[in-house]
Amino acid sequence: MLVYPTPHAVTQARIQLVADQTEKAPTHVIHQDVLNVFAAKNEAERQALAEYRAAQPPDDHLDVKA
């Protein structure tokens, strides 16, 4: 499992969700906020995985035992 610090975009999306929930915003606004939180988390995970893969040594050798 990759562990990474919570990106700014995820924090901002969560803050917006809480703000809209506190203001009792219409359902469609809160639904969009929830989708924005998931989208931000997914993008952050993709970026973390890409960085992890880039940091790994190339896998261009074959370990063949005869």
Protein backbone atom coordinates (compact mmCIF):
# COMPACT_ATOMS: atom_id res chain seq x y z
CA MET A 1 0.00 0.00 0.00
CA LEU A 2 1.33 3.40 -0.94
CA VAL A 3 1.36 6.03 1.78
CA TYR A 4 1.56 9.64 0.75
CA PRO A 5 0.75 12.97 2.38
CA THR A 6 -2.74 14.30 1.70
CA PRO A 7 -2.47 16.60 -1.32
CA HIS A 8 -3.76 20.15 -1.19
CA ALA A 9 -6.47 19.44 -3.78
CA VAL A 10 -7.96 16.65 -1.64
CA THR A 11 -7.96 18.86 1.44
CA GLN A 12 -9.62 21.70 -0.47
CA ALA A 13 -12.31 19.37 -1.84
CA ARG A 14 -13.04 18.07 1.65
CA ILE A 15 -13.23 21.59 3.08
CA GLN A 16 -15.69 22.59 0.37
CA LEU A 17 -17.82 19.53 1.12
CA VAL A 18 -17.94 20.32 4.85
CA ALA A 19 -18.70 23.98 4.14
CA ASP A 20 -21.59 23.08 1.86
CA GLN A 21 -22.92 20.51 4.33
CA THR A 22 -22.77 23.11 7.12
CA GLU A 23 -24.65 25.63 4.97
CA LYS A 24 -27.22 22.94 4.13
CA ALA A 25 -26.58 23.37 0.40
CA PRO A 26 -28.87 21.69 -2.13
CA THR A 27 -28.41 17.97 -2.62
CA HIS A 28 -26.92 18.31 -6.09
CA VAL A 29 -24.20 20.63 -4.78
CA ILE A 30 -23.23 18.21 -2.00
CA HIS A 31 -23.29 15.32 -4.46
CA GLN A 32 -20.91 17.23 -6.75
CA ASP A 33 -18.64 17.97 -3.78
CA VAL A 34 -18.49 14.25 -2.90
CA LEU A 35 -17.58 13.44 -6.50
CA ASN A 36 -14.88 16.13 -6.40
CA VAL A 37 -13.36 14.58 -3.26
CA PHE A 38 -13.21 11.15 -4.89
CA ALA A 39 -11.78 12.61 -8.11
CA ALA A 40 -9.06 14.46 -6.19
CA LYS A 41 -8.18 11.33 -4.20
CA ASN A 42 -8.03 9.21 -7.35
CA GLU A 43 -5.78 11.71 -9.11
CA ALA A 44 -3.49 11.88 -6.07
CA GLU A 45 -3.23 8.09 -5.97
CA ARG A 46 -2.42 7.96 -9.69
CA GLN A 47 0.32 10.54 -9.25
CA ALA A 48 1.76 8.73 -6.23
CA LEU A 49 1.80 5.45 -8.15
CA ALA A 50 3.46 7.08 -11.15
CA GLU A 51 6.13 8.59 -8.89
CA TYR A 52 6.66 5.22 -7.19
CA ARG A 53 7.05 3.44 -10.51
CA ALA A 54 9.44 6.10 -11.80
CA ALA A 55 11.62 5.63 -8.71
CA GLN A 56 11.91 1.87 -9.22
CA PRO A 57 14.89 0.47 -11.11
CA PRO A 58 14.14 -0.65 -14.65
CA ASP A 59 13.02 -4.24 -14.99
CA ASP A 60 14.93 -5.02 -18.16
CA HIS A 61 16.73 -8.15 -17.02
CA LEU A 62 15.56 -11.71 -17.11
CA ASP A 63 16.29 -14.06 -14.25
CA VAL A 64 16.36 -17.39 -16.06
CA LYS A 65 17.53 -20.42 -14.18
CA ALA A 66 18.54 -23.35 -16.34
